[in-house]
Protein backbone atom coordinates (compact mmCIF):
# COMPACT_ATOMS: atom_id res chain seq x y z
CA MET A 1 3.12 -28.78 -1.42
CA PRO A 2 5.11 -26.21 -2.57
CA HIS A 3 8.18 -25.00 -0.36
CA HIS A 4 6.86 -21.41 -0.42
CA ILE A 5 4.13 -21.69 2.14
CA ARG A 6 5.43 -22.60 5.47
CA ARG A 7 2.67 -24.32 6.93
CA THR A 8 4.04 -24.95 10.86
CA PRO A 9 3.35 -22.45 12.93
CA ASP A 10 6.18 -20.90 14.74
CA THR A 11 7.56 -23.35 17.48
CA ARG A 12 7.96 -20.03 20.15
CA ALA A 13 4.31 -18.92 19.46
CA GLY A 14 3.72 -22.71 20.69
CA ASP A 15 0.34 -23.92 21.07
CA ARG A 16 -0.84 -20.55 21.96
CA SER A 17 -3.98 -18.66 20.13
CA ILE A 18 -4.72 -15.80 17.63
CA ALA A 19 -7.55 -13.43 19.10
CA ILE A 20 -9.24 -11.77 16.16
CA ILE A 21 -11.71 -9.10 17.65
CA ASP A 22 -13.95 -7.51 15.07
CA ASP A 23 -17.86 -6.77 15.37
CA GLU A 24 -18.42 -7.72 11.60
CA LYS A 25 -19.30 -11.40 11.99
CA ASP A 26 -18.38 -12.26 8.38
CA LEU A 27 -15.05 -11.12 8.38
CA LEU A 28 -14.18 -12.68 11.38
CA TYR A 29 -14.90 -16.13 9.70
CA VAL A 30 -12.97 -15.94 6.50
CA TYR A 31 -10.14 -14.39 8.79
CA LYS A 32 -10.13 -17.19 10.57
CA LYS A 33 -10.42 -19.63 7.86
CA ALA A 34 -8.08 -18.77 6.12
CA LEU A 35 -4.99 -18.43 9.14
CA GLU A 36 -6.36 -21.95 10.38
CA LEU A 37 -5.44 -23.31 7.05
CA GLN A 38 -2.44 -22.20 7.98
CA GLY A 39 -1.74 -24.28 11.10
CA ARG A 40 -2.77 -21.46 13.37
CA LYS A 41 -4.96 -21.40 16.36
CA VAL A 42 -7.62 -18.85 15.97
CA VAL A 43 -10.09 -17.85 18.38
CA THR A 44 -13.10 -14.88 17.06
CA PHE A 45 -14.30 -12.42 19.29
CA VAL A 46 -17.70 -10.41 17.78
CA ASP A 47 -17.90 -8.37 21.16
CA SER A 48 -14.69 -6.43 22.43
CA SER A 49 -16.20 -6.28 25.54
CA VAL A 50 -16.15 -10.53 26.26
CA ALA A 51 -12.68 -10.64 24.14
CA LEU A 52 -10.99 -8.21 27.06
CA ASN A 53 -12.28 -10.37 29.98
CA GLU A 54 -11.27 -13.43 28.18
CA LEU A 55 -7.65 -11.70 27.72
CA LYS A 56 -7.24 -10.51 30.81
CA VAL A 57 -8.04 -13.95 32.30
CA HIS A 58 -6.55 -16.22 29.98
CA HIS A 59 -3.51 -13.98 28.26
CA LYS A 60 -1.18 -16.75 28.32
CA LYS A 61 -2.92 -18.49 26.06
CA TYR A 62 -2.67 -16.40 22.83
CA CYS A 63 0.31 -14.74 21.44
CA MET A 64 -1.27 -12.31 18.91
CA VAL A 65 -4.18 -10.19 19.13
CA LEU A 66 -5.98 -8.78 16.34
CA VAL A 67 -8.16 -6.46 16.84
CA ASP A 68 -10.84 -3.12 14.72
CA ILE A 69 -10.22 0.01 16.48
CA ARG A 70 -14.04 1.29 15.82
CA MET A 71 -16.47 -1.22 17.77
CA PRO A 72 -19.09 -0.94 20.43
CA LYS A 73 -18.11 -1.06 24.15
CA VAL A 74 -14.56 -1.52 24.09
CA ASN A 75 -12.32 0.36 20.96
CA GLY A 76 -10.01 -1.27 19.55
CA TYR A 77 -7.76 1.41 21.31
CA GLN A 78 -8.90 0.69 24.90
CA LEU A 79 -8.52 -3.18 24.12
CA VAL A 80 -5.21 -2.51 23.22
CA ASN A 81 -3.96 -0.68 25.94
CA GLU A 82 -5.51 -3.03 28.87
CA ILE A 83 -3.77 -6.15 27.12
CA LYS A 84 -0.12 -4.36 27.05
CA CYS A 85 -0.43 -3.52 30.78
CA ILE A 86 -1.21 -7.33 31.34
CA ASP A 87 0.96 -8.46 28.69
CA PRO A 88 3.33 -5.96 27.02
CA VAL A 89 5.22 -8.59 25.04
CA MET A 90 1.24 -9.48 23.10
CA LYS A 91 1.91 -9.00 19.64
CA THR A 92 -1.22 -6.64 18.21
CA VAL A 93 -2.72 -5.32 15.01
CA LEU A 94 -5.18 -2.76 14.62
CA ILE A 95 -7.17 -3.25 11.94
CA THR A 96 -9.66 -0.46 10.43
CA ALA A 97 -11.85 1.05 7.79
CA TYR A 98 -10.81 4.43 8.48
CA ASP A 99 -7.67 6.59 7.14
CA VAL A 100 -5.98 6.79 10.66
CA SER A 101 -3.21 8.92 11.10
CA GLU A 102 -0.56 7.86 12.96
CA LEU A 103 -0.68 10.56 15.27
CA GLU A 104 -4.46 9.77 16.10
CA ILE A 105 -2.92 6.06 16.94
CA LEU A 106 -0.21 7.71 19.21
CA ASP A 107 -3.24 9.63 20.97
CA ASN A 108 -4.87 7.12 21.74
CA LEU A 109 -2.54 4.34 22.78
CA SER A 110 -1.55 4.42 26.77
CA ASN A 111 2.23 5.96 27.65
CA GLY A 112 4.65 3.53 26.54
CA VAL A 113 2.05 1.20 24.62
CA ARG A 114 3.34 0.16 21.28
CA ILE A 115 1.76 -2.03 18.37
CA ASP A 116 3.39 -3.91 15.81
CA GLU A 117 1.33 -3.30 12.68
CA VAL A 118 -1.93 -1.61 11.56
CA MET A 119 -3.92 -3.12 8.58
CA HIS A 120 -6.71 -1.25 6.48
CA LYS A 121 -9.46 -2.58 5.47
CA PRO A 122 -10.06 -4.52 3.22
CA PHE A 123 -6.83 -6.20 3.00
CA SER A 124 -6.35 -10.05 1.28
CA LEU A 125 -6.14 -12.71 3.23
CA ILE A 126 -2.67 -13.92 1.80
CA LYS A 127 -1.55 -10.01 3.46
CA LEU A 128 -3.52 -10.84 6.72
CA ILE A 129 -1.34 -14.73 6.96
CA ASN A 130 2.26 -12.69 6.02
CA THR A 131 1.70 -10.10 8.39
CA VAL A 132 1.32 -12.72 10.39
CA ASN A 133 3.81 -15.02 9.85
CA THR A 134 5.97 -12.06 9.70
CA LEU A 135 5.04 -10.90 13.63
CA LEU A 136 5.31 -14.23 15.02
CA GLU A 137 8.29 -14.94 13.32
CA LYS A 138 10.14 -12.38 15.40
CA TYR A 139 8.16 -13.87 18.53
């Protein structure tokens, strides 16, 4: 096995899972498989309101949330705002297929809420893996 690929998850993230919320089922499947091949635990949600309920109750099970901005019911901004109230250090990544300005992001996040990354679709699985690994190394 090549030495440049680390397969062991960062120990501080421990056994905690990554939550991915997107209303596109096919993308969820691909993201989940790519991260699981890296040794990560991944829980996917196609319904953002179900995801929000899960994260409110069981936020300690998760080390990171990747969430699509534009979704029915609860959008990505609302979800991040709620999660950051409960767990301010939760790693958060916004995913979007749209051209989103920094101003739009700031306008939609609660005062003091910061996200760790914005990923623009379509992105490569290598970019996904590298982003997750980089953020969890800083965990």
